[in-house]
Amino acid sequence: MKKYNHAVTLAFSIISEEEDGKDITPAMLKEALLIRIIGLDNHSEWIEATMPPYDTHEEEPWPFKGDAAHA
């Protein structure tokens, strides 16, 4: 059976004190993303927030051709 790899996006917002966002830290990003995830769970909005995929390609059958198992 064919398998497909889908790339999706998930937007979230973050508040900082600099207009260009140069003061955004990894910790701030993580906190904002976790808040977004909790909100998606609480409101069951995962599909609305991420679909449709912006890119899709067919996956190679496993094990992938050219990997060590085929050497």
C-alpha atoms as a PDB file:
ATOM      1  CA  MET A   1       0.000   0.000   0.000  1.00  0.00           C
ATOM      2  CA  LYS A   2       1.319   3.456  -0.892  1.00  0.00           C
ATOM      3  CA  LYS A   3       2.255   5.843   1.901  1.00  0.00           C
ATOM      4  CA  TYR A   4       2.414   9.634   1.641  1.00  0.00           C
ATOM      5  CA  ASN A   5       4.479  12.169   3.543  1.00  0.00           C
ATOM      6  CA  HIS A   6       2.594  15.436   4.151  1.00  0.00           C
ATOM      7  CA  ALA A   7       4.164  18.707   5.236  1.00  0.00           C
ATOM      8  CA  VAL A   8       1.821  20.893   7.267  1.00  0.00           C
ATOM      9  CA  THR A   9       2.257  24.210   9.037  1.00  0.00           C
ATOM     10  CA  LEU A  10       1.141  25.282  12.474  1.00  0.00           C
ATOM     11  CA  ALA A  11       1.034  29.007  13.172  1.00  0.00           C
ATOM     12  CA  PHE A  12       1.336  30.485  16.634  1.00  0.00           C
ATOM     13  CA  SER A  13       1.944  33.957  17.951  1.00  0.00           C
ATOM     14  CA  ILE A  14       4.497  35.303  20.360  1.00  0.00           C
ATOM     15  CA  ILE A  15       4.770  38.706  22.037  1.00  0.00           C
ATOM     16  CA  SER A  16       8.115  40.424  22.400  1.00  0.00           C
ATOM     17  CA  GLU A  17       9.405  43.905  23.148  1.00  0.00           C
ATOM     18  CA  GLU A  18      11.302  44.473  19.890  1.00  0.00           C
ATOM     19  CA  GLU A  19       9.578  45.203  16.575  1.00  0.00           C
ATOM     20  CA  ASP A  20      11.948  42.953  14.622  1.00  0.00           C
ATOM     21  CA  GLY A  21      11.590  40.074  17.098  1.00  0.00           C
ATOM     22  CA  LYS A  22      15.332  39.885  17.791  1.00  0.00           C
ATOM     23  CA  ASP A  23      14.599  39.477  21.501  1.00  0.00           C
ATOM     24  CA  ILE A  24      12.679  36.221  20.961  1.00  0.00           C
ATOM     25  CA  THR A  25      14.429  33.353  22.718  1.00  0.00           C
ATOM     26  CA  PRO A  26      14.099  29.595  22.308  1.00  0.00           C
ATOM     27  CA  ALA A  27      12.357  29.468  25.707  1.00  0.00           C
ATOM     28  CA  MET A  28       9.807  32.062  24.547  1.00  0.00           C
ATOM     29  CA  LEU A  29       9.158  30.096  21.363  1.00  0.00           C
ATOM     30  CA  LYS A  30       8.696  26.873  23.314  1.00  0.00           C
ATOM     31  CA  GLU A  31       6.286  28.498  25.767  1.00  0.00           C
ATOM     32  CA  ALA A  32       4.207  30.078  22.984  1.00  0.00           C
ATOM     33  CA  LEU A  33       4.088  26.809  21.053  1.00  0.00           C
ATOM     34  CA  LEU A  34       3.020  24.834  24.129  1.00  0.00           C
ATOM     35  CA  ILE A  35       0.253  27.374  24.794  1.00  0.00           C
ATOM     36  CA  ARG A  36      -0.893  26.950  21.179  1.00  0.00           C
ATOM     37  CA  ILE A  37      -0.867  23.149  21.498  1.00  0.00           C
ATOM     38  CA  ILE A  38      -2.955  23.295  24.673  1.00  0.00           C
ATOM     39  CA  GLY A  39      -5.441  25.585  22.934  1.00  0.00           C
ATOM     40  CA  LEU A  40      -5.713  23.226  19.955  1.00  0.00           C
ATOM     41  CA  ASP A  41      -6.348  20.294  22.303  1.00  0.00           C
ATOM     42  CA  ASN A  42      -8.921  22.210  24.354  1.00  0.00           C
ATOM     43  CA  HIS A  43     -10.893  23.270  21.290  1.00  0.00           C
ATOM     44  CA  SER A  44     -10.259  20.221  19.030  1.00  0.00           C
ATOM     45  CA  GLU A  45      -8.948  22.484  16.267  1.00  0.00           C
ATOM     46  CA  TRP A  46      -5.992  20.447  14.988  1.00  0.00           C
ATOM     47  CA  ILE A  47      -7.443  19.827  11.521  1.00  0.00           C
ATOM     48  CA  GLU A  48      -8.587  23.424  11.036  1.00  0.00           C
ATOM     49  CA  ALA A  49      -5.196  24.746  12.183  1.00  0.00           C
ATOM     50  CA  THR A  50      -2.976  22.539  10.030  1.00  0.00           C
ATOM     51  CA  MET A  51      -4.817  21.426   6.907  1.00  0.00           C
ATOM     52  CA  PRO A  52      -4.511  21.209   3.995  1.00  0.00           C
ATOM     53  CA  PRO A  53      -0.905  20.065   3.611  1.00  0.00           C
ATOM     54  CA  TYR A  54       1.288  22.498   1.691  1.00  0.00           C
ATOM     55  CA  ASP A  55       3.459  19.731   0.240  1.00  0.00           C
ATOM     56  CA  THR A  56       3.035  15.980  -0.262  1.00  0.00           C
ATOM     57  CA  HIS A  57       5.225  13.271  -1.713  1.00  0.00           C
ATOM     58  CA  GLU A  58       5.000   9.512  -1.950  1.00  0.00           C
ATOM     59  CA  GLU A  59       7.168   7.648   0.540  1.00  0.00           C
ATOM     60  CA  GLU A  60       9.603   5.014  -0.599  1.00  0.00           C
ATOM     61  CA  PRO A  61       8.772   1.501   0.615  1.00  0.00           C
ATOM     62  CA  TRP A  62      10.698   0.508   3.739  1.00  0.00           C
ATOM     63  CA  PRO A  63      13.500  -0.281   3.861  1.00  0.00           C
ATOM     64  CA  PHE A  64      14.433   2.585   1.550  1.00  0.00           C
ATOM     65  CA  LYS A  65      16.245   1.720  -1.639  1.00  0.00           C
ATOM     66  CA  GLY A  66      19.934   2.376  -1.232  1.00  0.00           C
ATOM     67  CA  ASP A  67      20.043   1.913   2.531  1.00  0.00           C
ATOM     68  CA  ALA A  68      22.409  -0.451   4.336  1.00  0.00           C
ATOM     69  CA  ALA A  69      19.840  -3.288   4.242  1.00  0.00           C
ATOM     70  CA  HIS A  70      20.144  -3.374   0.434  1.00  0.00           C
ATOM     71  CA  ALA A  71      23.954  -3.266   0.330  1.00  0.00           C
END
